[in-house]
Amino acid sequence: MASDLASFGFFQRQSVKEMLTFLTKTFMKRTEPGQRQSVSHEGYVVHCYVRSDGLGGTVTTDTDYPARVAFVLLGQLLEEFSAENGDSWKTVDTPESIAFPPIEEYLVKYQDPAAADKVTKIQKDLDETTQILHKTIDSVLERGVKLDSLVERSNDLSSQSKLFYKSAKKTNACCVVS
């Protein structure tokens, strides 16, 4: 069992770890083989996955962490664990006693879901591109409004200059010197 409890106070860490262990055991028992489920509890989400052969795991995240990435993490961990240990896990009475060093590496790697999962990274890039496009479209529309205002002013100026020309022509017509 691996956990990153650095965001909790030093004196809270042991009780948080005990709570995580309890939630993990409870949700693992309630998840049928071949099923995945996510359960919210006090601002956190416990993602649980039990493979059809009975091997399973949980990941506890905050509510902002994408469920898809959590299940990708679980799938990769369970696959690697199974490849490394075979069926030896079936004879163990206390699952916490099984050491699996790569779990720490995965824990570090998956801290940033966008960096760890390609689809999430692409989605993040698409969201950023969409925001940029929205800003660009807004500025183009703004420029269009400004251009319309400029054309309107130009038309007003043109009509004013025609009136001035006609008025000046009338005024100069009476005073022709030969």
N, C-alpha and C. Protein backbone atom coordinates (compact mmCIF):
# COMPACT_ATOMS: atom_id res chain seq x y z
N MET A 1 0.85 -1.17 0.00
CA MET A 1 0.00 0.00 0.00
C MET A 1 0.90 1.24 0.00
N ALA A 2 0.67 2.11 -0.95
CA ALA A 2 1.44 3.35 -1.05
C ALA A 2 0.49 4.52 -0.86
N SER A 3 1.02 5.58 -0.26
CA SER A 3 0.18 6.76 -0.07
C SER A 3 1.07 8.00 -0.02
N ASP A 4 0.52 9.08 -0.54
CA ASP A 4 1.19 10.37 -0.48
C ASP A 4 0.33 11.26 0.42
N LEU A 5 0.73 11.38 1.66
CA LEU A 5 -0.06 12.13 2.64
C LEU A 5 0.59 13.46 3.00
N ALA A 6 1.46 13.95 2.12
CA ALA A 6 2.20 15.18 2.39
C ALA A 6 1.28 16.39 2.54
N SER A 7 0.10 16.35 1.93
CA SER A 7 -0.81 17.49 2.02
C SER A 7 -1.54 17.55 3.36
N PHE A 8 -1.38 16.52 4.19
CA PHE A 8 -2.01 16.50 5.51
C PHE A 8 -0.98 16.86 6.57
N GLY A 9 -1.46 17.38 7.68
CA GLY A 9 -0.57 17.71 8.78
C GLY A 9 0.08 16.46 9.34
N PHE A 10 1.25 16.62 9.95
CA PHE A 10 2.02 15.48 10.43
C PHE A 10 1.20 14.62 11.39
N PHE A 11 0.47 15.25 12.29
CA PHE A 11 -0.27 14.51 13.30
C PHE A 11 -1.57 13.90 12.74
N GLN A 12 -2.00 14.34 11.57
CA GLN A 12 -3.21 13.80 10.95
C GLN A 12 -2.91 12.58 10.08
N ARG A 13 -1.68 12.44 9.65
CA ARG A 13 -1.33 11.43 8.65
C ARG A 13 -1.70 10.01 9.06
N GLN A 14 -1.45 9.64 10.31
CA GLN A 14 -1.74 8.27 10.74
C GLN A 14 -3.24 7.98 10.68
N SER A 15 -4.05 8.91 11.14
CA SER A 15 -5.50 8.68 11.12
C SER A 15 -6.02 8.69 9.69
N VAL A 16 -5.46 9.52 8.81
CA VAL A 16 -5.86 9.54 7.41
C VAL A 16 -5.48 8.21 6.75
N LYS A 17 -4.29 7.71 7.07
CA LYS A 17 -3.85 6.42 6.51
C LYS A 17 -4.77 5.30 6.97
N GLU A 18 -5.16 5.31 8.23
CA GLU A 18 -6.08 4.29 8.75
C GLU A 18 -7.44 4.38 8.05
N MET A 19 -7.91 5.61 7.83
CA MET A 19 -9.18 5.79 7.13
C MET A 19 -9.08 5.26 5.70
N LEU A 20 -7.98 5.56 5.01
CA LEU A 20 -7.79 5.07 3.65
C LEU A 20 -7.76 3.54 3.60
N THR A 21 -7.10 2.95 4.56
CA THR A 21 -7.04 1.47 4.63
C THR A 21 -8.44 0.91 4.84
N PHE A 22 -9.20 1.52 5.74
CA PHE A 22 -10.57 1.06 5.98
C PHE A 22 -11.44 1.19 4.73
N LEU A 23 -11.36 2.36 4.08
CA LEU A 23 -12.16 2.57 2.87
C LEU A 23 -11.75 1.60 1.76
N THR A 24 -10.46 1.38 1.61
CA THR A 24 -9.97 0.46 0.60
C THR A 24 -10.53 -0.94 0.82
N LYS A 25 -10.42 -1.44 2.04
CA LYS A 25 -10.92 -2.79 2.34
C LYS A 25 -12.43 -2.88 2.15
N THR A 26 -13.14 -1.86 2.60
CA THR A 26 -14.61 -1.86 2.49
C THR A 26 -15.06 -1.87 1.04
N PHE A 27 -14.49 -0.97 0.23
CA PHE A 27 -14.93 -0.86 -1.17
C PHE A 27 -14.45 -2.03 -2.01
N MET A 28 -13.31 -2.61 -1.64
CA MET A 28 -12.84 -3.80 -2.38
C MET A 28 -13.81 -4.96 -2.16
N LYS A 29 -14.31 -5.11 -0.94
CA LYS A 29 -15.27 -6.19 -0.65
C LYS A 29 -16.59 -5.97 -1.40
N ARG A 30 -16.96 -4.72 -1.60
CA ARG A 30 -18.26 -4.40 -2.22
C ARG A 30 -18.20 -4.31 -3.74
N THR A 31 -17.02 -4.49 -4.31
CA THR A 31 -16.89 -4.42 -5.76
C THR A 31 -16.80 -5.83 -6.32
N GLU A 32 -17.69 -6.12 -7.25
CA GLU A 32 -17.73 -7.45 -7.87
C GLU A 32 -16.55 -7.61 -8.83
N PRO A 33 -16.05 -8.83 -9.00
CA PRO A 33 -14.98 -9.06 -9.99
C PRO A 33 -15.39 -8.61 -11.39
N GLY A 34 -14.46 -7.95 -12.07
CA GLY A 34 -14.72 -7.43 -13.41
C GLY A 34 -15.40 -6.07 -13.41
N GLN A 35 -15.54 -5.46 -12.25
CA GLN A 35 -16.26 -4.19 -12.13
C GLN A 35 -15.33 -3.07 -11.70
N ARG A 36 -15.77 -1.85 -12.01
CA ARG A 36 -15.10 -0.63 -11.57
C ARG A 36 -16.15 0.24 -10.92
N GLN A 37 -15.75 0.96 -9.91
CA GLN A 37 -16.67 1.92 -9.31
C GLN A 37 -15.90 3.05 -8.67
N SER A 38 -16.57 4.19 -8.59
CA SER A 38 -16.00 5.36 -7.92
C SER A 38 -16.98 5.78 -6.84
N VAL A 39 -16.48 5.93 -5.62
CA VAL A 39 -17.32 6.29 -4.49
C VAL A 39 -16.79 7.57 -3.87
N SER A 40 -17.67 8.57 -3.73
CA SER A 40 -17.29 9.84 -3.11
C SER A 40 -17.45 9.73 -1.60
N HIS A 41 -16.47 10.30 -0.89
CA HIS A 41 -16.52 10.29 0.57
C HIS A 41 -15.77 11.51 1.10
N GLU A 42 -16.50 12.44 1.71
CA GLU A 42 -15.94 13.62 2.36
C GLU A 42 -14.92 14.37 1.50
N GLY A 43 -15.31 14.69 0.27
CA GLY A 43 -14.44 15.49 -0.60
C GLY A 43 -13.39 14.69 -1.35
N TYR A 44 -13.39 13.39 -1.19
CA TYR A 44 -12.45 12.53 -1.89
C TYR A 44 -13.23 11.47 -2.66
N VAL A 45 -12.58 10.89 -3.64
CA VAL A 45 -13.21 9.85 -4.45
C VAL A 45 -12.31 8.61 -4.39
N VAL A 46 -12.91 7.48 -4.03
CA VAL A 46 -12.19 6.21 -4.02
C VAL A 46 -12.57 5.48 -5.30
N HIS A 47 -11.57 5.30 -6.17
CA HIS A 47 -11.77 4.58 -7.43
C HIS A 47 -11.34 3.14 -7.18
N CYS A 48 -12.23 2.21 -7.44
CA CYS A 48 -11.97 0.82 -7.13
C CYS A 48 -12.13 -0.03 -8.39
N TYR A 49 -11.19 -0.93 -8.61
CA TYR A 49 -11.24 -1.81 -9.79
C TYR A 49 -10.82 -3.21 -9.35
N VAL A 50 -11.69 -4.18 -9.63
CA VAL A 50 -11.39 -5.59 -9.36
C VAL A 50 -11.46 -6.32 -10.68
N ARG A 51 -10.34 -6.92 -11.06
CA ARG A 51 -10.29 -7.67 -12.32
C ARG A 51 -11.13 -8.93 -12.20
N SER A 52 -11.39 -9.57 -13.32
CA SER A 52 -12.22 -10.78 -13.32
C SER A 52 -11.55 -11.94 -12.57
N ASP A 53 -10.21 -11.92 -12.43
CA ASP A 53 -9.54 -12.98 -11.67
C ASP A 53 -9.51 -12.70 -10.17
N GLY A 54 -10.08 -11.55 -9.74
CA GLY A 54 -10.17 -11.23 -8.33
C GLY A 54 -9.10 -10.26 -7.83
N LEU A 55 -8.07 -10.01 -8.62
CA LEU A 55 -7.04 -9.05 -8.25
C LEU A 55 -7.60 -7.64 -8.40
N GLY A 56 -7.41 -6.81 -7.38
CA GLY A 56 -7.99 -5.48 -7.44
C GLY A 56 -7.15 -4.45 -6.72
N GLY A 57 -7.56 -3.22 -6.85
CA GLY A 57 -6.87 -2.12 -6.20
C GLY A 57 -7.76 -0.90 -6.14
N THR A 58 -7.35 0.05 -5.33
CA THR A 58 -8.08 1.32 -5.22
C THR A 58 -7.11 2.48 -5.33
N VAL A 59 -7.64 3.60 -5.77
CA VAL A 59 -6.91 4.87 -5.79
C VAL A 59 -7.84 5.90 -5.19
N THR A 60 -7.36 6.61 -4.19
CA THR A 60 -8.15 7.66 -3.56
C THR A 60 -7.59 9.00 -4.03
N THR A 61 -8.49 9.82 -4.60
CA THR A 61 -8.08 11.10 -5.16
C THR A 61 -9.01 12.20 -4.65
N ASP A 62 -8.66 13.44 -4.99
CA ASP A 62 -9.61 14.52 -4.72
C ASP A 62 -10.66 14.50 -5.83
N THR A 63 -11.67 15.32 -5.69
CA THR A 63 -12.79 15.28 -6.65
C THR A 63 -12.42 15.81 -8.02
N ASP A 64 -11.33 16.58 -8.13
CA ASP A 64 -10.92 17.14 -9.42
C ASP A 64 -10.14 16.16 -10.29
N TYR A 65 -9.62 15.10 -9.70
CA TYR A 65 -8.79 14.16 -10.44
C TYR A 65 -9.69 13.34 -11.38
N PRO A 66 -9.32 13.24 -12.67
CA PRO A 66 -10.17 12.52 -13.63
C PRO A 66 -10.27 11.02 -13.33
N ALA A 67 -11.49 10.51 -13.30
CA ALA A 67 -11.72 9.09 -13.02
C ALA A 67 -11.05 8.21 -14.07
N ARG A 68 -11.08 8.64 -15.31
CA ARG A 68 -10.49 7.84 -16.38
C ARG A 68 -9.01 7.60 -16.13
N VAL A 69 -8.30 8.63 -15.69
CA VAL A 69 -6.87 8.50 -15.42
C VAL A 69 -6.63 7.58 -14.22
N ALA A 70 -7.49 7.69 -13.20
CA ALA A 70 -7.36 6.82 -12.03
C ALA A 70 -7.52 5.35 -12.44
N PHE A 71 -8.47 5.07 -13.32
CA PHE A 71 -8.68 3.68 -13.74
C PHE A 71 -7.57 3.20 -14.68
N VAL A 72 -7.00 4.10 -15.46
CA VAL A 72 -5.83 3.74 -16.29
C VAL A 72 -4.68 3.37 -15.37
N LEU A 73 -4.46 4.17 -14.32
CA LEU A 73 -3.42 3.88 -13.34
C LEU A 73 -3.65 2.51 -12.71
N LEU A 74 -4.86 2.26 -12.25
CA LEU A 74 -5.17 0.97 -11.63
C LEU A 74 -4.93 -0.19 -12.60
N GLY A 75 -5.38 -0.03 -13.83
CA GLY A 75 -5.19 -1.09 -14.82
C GLY A 75 -3.72 -1.39 -15.06
N GLN A 76 -2.91 -0.35 -15.19
CA GLN A 76 -1.47 -0.55 -15.41
C GLN A 76 -0.80 -1.19 -14.20
N LEU A 77 -1.15 -0.72 -13.01
CA LEU A 77 -0.57 -1.30 -11.80
C LEU A 77 -0.92 -2.77 -11.65
N LEU A 78 -2.19 -3.10 -11.84
CA LEU A 78 -2.63 -4.49 -11.68
C LEU A 78 -1.99 -5.39 -12.73
N GLU A 79 -1.86 -4.88 -13.93
CA GLU A 79 -1.24 -5.67 -15.01
C GLU A 79 0.23 -5.94 -14.70
N GLU A 80 0.94 -4.89 -14.29
CA GLU A 80 2.37 -5.05 -13.97
C GLU A 80 2.55 -5.95 -12.74
N PHE A 81 1.70 -5.78 -11.74
CA PHE A 81 1.77 -6.61 -10.55
C PHE A 81 1.54 -8.07 -10.90
N SER A 82 0.54 -8.33 -11.72
CA SER A 82 0.23 -9.70 -12.13
C SER A 82 1.37 -10.31 -12.93
N ALA A 83 1.99 -9.52 -13.82
CA ALA A 83 3.09 -10.03 -14.63
C ALA A 83 4.31 -10.34 -13.76
N GLU A 84 4.52 -9.54 -12.72
CA GLU A 84 5.69 -9.72 -11.86
C GLU A 84 5.51 -10.82 -10.82
N ASN A 85 4.28 -10.93 -10.29
CA ASN A 85 4.05 -11.85 -9.17
C ASN A 85 3.21 -13.08 -9.52
N GLY A 86 2.63 -13.10 -10.71
CA GLY A 86 1.80 -14.25 -11.09
C GLY A 86 0.58 -14.38 -10.18
N ASP A 87 0.26 -15.61 -9.79
CA ASP A 87 -0.90 -15.86 -8.93
C ASP A 87 -0.53 -15.98 -7.46
N SER A 88 0.68 -15.60 -7.10
CA SER A 88 1.12 -15.74 -5.70
C SER A 88 0.27 -14.91 -4.74
N TRP A 89 -0.37 -13.87 -5.23
CA TRP A 89 -1.20 -13.01 -4.38
C TRP A 89 -2.44 -13.73 -3.85
N LYS A 90 -2.85 -14.81 -4.51
CA LYS A 90 -4.07 -15.53 -4.11
C LYS A 90 -3.90 -16.24 -2.77
N THR A 91 -2.68 -16.55 -2.38
CA THR A 91 -2.44 -17.29 -1.13
C THR A 91 -2.10 -16.38 0.04
N VAL A 92 -2.08 -15.09 -0.16
CA VAL A 92 -1.70 -14.13 0.89
C VAL A 92 -2.93 -13.75 1.71
N ASP A 93 -2.77 -13.78 3.05
CA ASP A 93 -3.87 -13.41 3.95
C ASP A 93 -3.97 -11.90 4.18
N THR A 94 -2.85 -11.23 4.22
CA THR A 94 -2.84 -9.78 4.44
C THR A 94 -2.24 -9.09 3.22
N PRO A 95 -3.10 -8.54 2.36
CA PRO A 95 -2.62 -7.90 1.13
C PRO A 95 -1.63 -6.77 1.36
N GLU A 96 -1.71 -6.10 2.53
CA GLU A 96 -0.81 -4.99 2.81
C GLU A 96 0.64 -5.44 2.93
N SER A 97 0.84 -6.74 3.20
CA SER A 97 2.20 -7.25 3.41
C SER A 97 2.96 -7.47 2.11
N ILE A 98 2.28 -7.42 0.97
CA ILE A 98 2.94 -7.64 -0.32
C ILE A 98 3.67 -6.35 -0.73
N ALA A 99 4.97 -6.49 -0.96
CA ALA A 99 5.76 -5.35 -1.39
C ALA A 99 5.73 -5.25 -2.92
N PHE A 100 5.51 -4.05 -3.42
CA PHE A 100 5.49 -3.82 -4.87
C PHE A 100 6.11 -2.45 -5.12
N PRO A 101 7.46 -2.40 -5.23
CA PRO A 101 8.18 -1.12 -5.35
C PRO A 101 7.73 -0.21 -6.49
N PRO A 102 7.33 -0.72 -7.67
CA PRO A 102 6.93 0.22 -8.74
C PRO A 102 5.74 1.11 -8.39
N ILE A 103 5.01 0.75 -7.36
CA ILE A 103 3.83 1.55 -7.00
C ILE A 103 4.22 2.98 -6.62
N GLU A 104 5.38 3.14 -5.99
CA GLU A 104 5.85 4.48 -5.61
C GLU A 104 6.13 5.32 -6.86
N GLU A 105 6.72 4.70 -7.89
CA GLU A 105 7.00 5.42 -9.13
C GLU A 105 5.70 5.87 -9.80
N TYR A 106 4.72 4.98 -9.82
CA TYR A 106 3.42 5.33 -10.39
C TYR A 106 2.76 6.46 -9.62
N LEU A 107 2.90 6.42 -8.31
CA LEU A 107 2.32 7.47 -7.47
C LEU A 107 2.89 8.84 -7.82
N VAL A 108 4.19 8.89 -8.04
CA VAL A 108 4.84 10.14 -8.43
C VAL A 108 4.43 10.54 -9.85
N LYS A 109 4.44 9.57 -10.76
CA LYS A 109 4.14 9.84 -12.18
C LYS A 109 2.72 10.36 -12.36
N TYR A 110 1.77 9.82 -11.63
CA TYR A 110 0.37 10.18 -11.82
C TYR A 110 -0.11 11.33 -10.94
N GLN A 111 0.81 12.06 -10.31
CA GLN A 111 0.42 13.25 -9.56
C GLN A 111 -0.21 14.29 -10.48
N ASP A 112 0.35 14.40 -11.68
CA ASP A 112 -0.21 15.31 -12.68
C ASP A 112 -0.87 14.46 -13.75
N PRO A 113 -2.21 14.38 -13.75
CA PRO A 113 -2.89 13.50 -14.70
C PRO A 113 -2.62 13.84 -16.16
N ALA A 114 -2.43 15.11 -16.47
CA ALA A 114 -2.19 15.50 -17.87
C ALA A 114 -0.83 15.01 -18.35
N ALA A 115 0.15 14.98 -17.46
CA ALA A 115 1.48 14.51 -17.85
C ALA A 115 1.52 12.99 -17.97
N ALA A 116 0.73 12.31 -17.17
CA ALA A 116 0.77 10.84 -17.14
C ALA A 116 -0.09 10.20 -18.22
N ASP A 117 -1.18 10.85 -18.59
CA ASP A 117 -2.13 10.25 -19.52
C ASP A 117 -2.19 11.08 -20.80
N LYS A 118 -1.94 10.45 -21.92
CA LYS A 118 -1.88 11.16 -23.20
C LYS A 118 -3.22 11.76 -23.59
N VAL A 119 -4.31 11.03 -23.35
CA VAL A 119 -5.64 11.53 -23.73
C VAL A 119 -5.98 12.76 -22.91
N THR A 120 -5.66 12.75 -21.63
CA THR A 120 -5.92 13.91 -20.78
C THR A 120 -5.07 15.09 -21.21
N LYS A 121 -3.83 14.83 -21.60
CA LYS A 121 -2.96 15.90 -22.09
C LYS A 121 -3.53 16.51 -23.37
N ILE A 122 -4.00 15.67 -24.28
CA ILE A 122 -4.60 16.16 -25.52
C ILE A 122 -5.85 16.97 -25.22
N GLN A 123 -6.67 16.48 -24.28
CA GLN A 123 -7.89 17.21 -23.90
C GLN A 123 -7.54 18.57 -23.32
N LYS A 124 -6.50 18.61 -22.49
CA LYS A 124 -6.07 19.88 -21.90
C LYS A 124 -5.61 20.85 -22.99
N ASP A 125 -4.82 20.32 -23.95
CA ASP A 125 -4.36 21.15 -25.06
C ASP A 125 -5.54 21.66 -25.89
N LEU A 126 -6.53 20.80 -26.12
CA LEU A 126 -7.72 21.21 -26.88
C LEU A 126 -8.49 22.30 -26.14
N ASP A 127 -8.60 22.16 -24.84
CA ASP A 127 -9.29 23.18 -24.04
C ASP A 127 -8.58 24.52 -24.13
N GLU A 128 -7.24 24.49 -24.05
CA GLU A 128 -6.47 25.73 -24.17
C GLU A 128 -6.64 26.35 -25.55
N THR A 129 -6.63 25.51 -26.60
CA THR A 129 -6.81 26.00 -27.97
C THR A 129 -8.19 26.60 -28.14
N THR A 130 -9.20 25.96 -27.55
CA THR A 130 -10.57 26.47 -27.63
C THR A 130 -10.66 27.85 -26.97
N GLN A 131 -10.02 28.01 -25.82
CA GLN A 131 -10.03 29.31 -25.15
C GLN A 131 -9.37 30.38 -26.01
N ILE A 132 -8.25 30.04 -26.63
CA ILE A 132 -7.56 30.99 -27.50
C ILE A 132 -8.44 31.37 -28.68
N LEU A 133 -9.10 30.37 -29.28
CA LEU A 133 -9.99 30.65 -30.42
C LEU A 133 -11.16 31.54 -30.02
N HIS A 134 -11.72 31.30 -28.84
CA HIS A 134 -12.82 32.14 -28.36
C HIS A 134 -12.35 33.59 -28.20
N LYS A 135 -11.16 33.77 -27.65
CA LYS A 135 -10.63 35.13 -27.48
C LYS A 135 -10.40 35.79 -28.84
N THR A 136 -9.87 35.00 -29.79
CA THR A 136 -9.61 35.54 -31.13
C THR A 136 -10.91 35.93 -31.82
N ILE A 137 -11.92 35.08 -31.72
CA ILE A 137 -13.22 35.38 -32.34
C ILE A 137 -13.83 36.62 -31.70
N ASP A 138 -13.73 36.73 -30.37
CA ASP A 138 -14.25 37.91 -29.68
C ASP A 138 -13.55 39.19 -30.16
N SER A 139 -12.23 39.12 -30.31
CA SER A 139 -11.50 40.31 -30.76
C SER A 139 -11.84 40.65 -32.21
N VAL A 140 -12.06 39.63 -33.06
CA VAL A 140 -12.46 39.88 -34.45
C VAL A 140 -13.84 40.53 -34.49
N LEU A 141 -14.75 40.03 -33.68
CA LEU A 141 -16.09 40.63 -33.62
C LEU A 141 -16.02 42.06 -33.11
N GLU A 142 -15.16 42.29 -32.14
CA GLU A 142 -14.97 43.63 -31.61
C GLU A 142 -14.44 44.56 -32.69
N ARG A 143 -13.46 44.07 -33.46
CA ARG A 143 -12.92 44.86 -34.56
C ARG A 143 -13.99 45.14 -35.60
N GLY A 144 -14.87 44.15 -35.85
CA GLY A 144 -15.96 44.34 -36.81
C GLY A 144 -16.88 45.46 -36.37
N VAL A 145 -17.19 45.50 -35.08
CA VAL A 145 -18.03 46.57 -34.54
C VAL A 145 -17.31 47.91 -34.71
N LYS A 146 -16.02 47.94 -34.43
CA LYS A 146 -15.25 49.18 -34.58
C LYS A 146 -15.21 49.61 -36.05
N LEU A 147 -15.07 48.63 -36.96
CA LEU A 147 -15.06 48.96 -38.39
C LEU A 147 -16.41 49.51 -38.82
N ASP A 148 -17.49 48.92 -38.33
CA ASP A 148 -18.83 49.42 -38.66
C ASP A 148 -18.97 50.86 -38.18
N SER A 149 -18.47 51.14 -36.99
CA SER A 149 -18.53 52.50 -36.45
C SER A 149 -17.70 53.46 -37.31
N LEU A 150 -16.54 52.99 -37.75
CA LEU A 150 -15.66 53.80 -38.59
C LEU A 150 -16.31 54.09 -39.95
N VAL A 151 -16.95 53.09 -40.54
CA VAL A 151 -17.64 53.28 -41.82
C VAL A 151 -18.78 54.27 -41.65
N GLU A 152 -19.50 54.16 -40.56
CA GLU A 152 -20.60 55.09 -40.29
C GLU A 152 -20.09 56.52 -40.15
N ARG A 153 -18.98 56.69 -39.43
CA ARG A 153 -18.39 58.02 -39.28
C ARG A 153 -17.91 58.56 -40.63
N SER A 154 -17.34 57.67 -41.44
CA SER A 154 -16.86 58.06 -42.76
C SER A 154 -18.02 58.53 -43.63
N ASN A 155 -19.13 57.83 -43.59
CA ASN A 155 -20.32 58.24 -44.35
C ASN A 155 -20.84 59.59 -43.87
N ASP A 156 -20.85 59.76 -42.53
CA ASP A 156 -21.28 61.05 -41.98
C ASP A 156 -20.36 62.18 -42.44
N LEU A 157 -19.08 61.93 -42.41
CA LEU A 157 -18.10 62.93 -42.85
C LEU A 157 -18.26 63.23 -44.33
N SER A 158 -18.51 62.21 -45.11
CA SER A 158 -18.71 62.40 -46.56
C SER A 158 -19.94 63.25 -46.83
N SER A 159 -21.04 62.96 -46.15
CA SER A 159 -22.26 63.76 -46.37
C SER A 159 -22.07 65.18 -45.87
N GLN A 160 -21.35 65.37 -44.76
CA GLN A 160 -21.06 66.71 -44.25
C GLN A 160 -20.19 67.50 -45.24
N SER A 161 -19.22 66.81 -45.84
CA SER A 161 -18.35 67.51 -46.80
C SER A 161 -19.12 67.88 -48.06
N LYS A 162 -20.08 67.05 -48.49
CA LYS A 162 -20.92 67.39 -49.66
C LYS A 162 -21.77 68.61 -49.36
N LEU A 163 -22.35 68.64 -48.13
CA LEU A 163 -23.15 69.80 -47.74
C LEU A 163 -22.28 71.05 -47.69
N PHE A 164 -21.08 70.92 -47.16
CA PHE A 164 -20.16 72.05 -47.11
C PHE A 164 -19.81 72.52 -48.51
N TYR A 165 -19.57 71.59 -49.42
CA TYR A 165 -19.22 71.92 -50.80
C TYR A 165 -20.37 72.68 -51.47
N LYS A 166 -21.61 72.17 -51.29
CA LYS A 166 -22.78 72.83 -51.88
C LYS A 166 -22.98 74.21 -51.28
N SER A 167 -22.81 74.32 -49.99
CA SER A 167 -22.98 75.60 -49.31
C SER A 167 -21.91 76.60 -49.78
N ALA A 168 -20.68 76.12 -49.92
CA ALA A 168 -19.60 76.99 -50.38
C ALA A 168 -19.83 77.40 -51.82
N LYS A 169 -20.37 76.53 -52.63
CA LYS A 169 -20.63 76.83 -54.05
C LYS A 169 -21.70 77.91 -54.16
N LYS A 170 -22.73 77.81 -53.32
CA LYS A 170 -23.79 78.81 -53.33
C LYS A 170 -23.25 80.16 -52.88
N THR A 171 -22.46 80.11 -51.84
CA THR A 171 -21.90 81.37 -51.30
C THR A 171 -20.98 82.01 -52.32
N ASN A 172 -20.18 81.25 -53.00
CA ASN A 172 -19.23 81.79 -54.01
C ASN A 172 -19.96 82.16 -55.30
N ALA A 173 -21.12 81.64 -55.59
CA ALA A 173 -21.82 81.91 -56.82
C ALA A 173 -22.30 83.39 -56.89
N CYS A 174 -22.63 83.98 -55.80
CA CYS A 174 -23.12 85.35 -55.80
C CYS A 174 -21.98 86.36 -55.96
N CYS A 175 -20.82 85.99 -55.72
CA CYS A 175 -19.72 86.92 -55.72
C CYS A 175 -18.74 86.65 -56.86
N VAL A 176 -19.21 86.38 -58.02
CA VAL A 176 -18.30 86.08 -59.14
C VAL A 176 -17.77 87.41 -59.64
N VAL A 177 -16.49 87.56 -59.77
CA VAL A 177 -15.84 88.78 -60.27
C VAL A 177 -15.30 88.45 -61.66
N SER A 178 -15.59 89.33 -62.63
CA SER A 178 -15.09 89.09 -63.96
C SER A 178 -14.10 90.12 -64.40
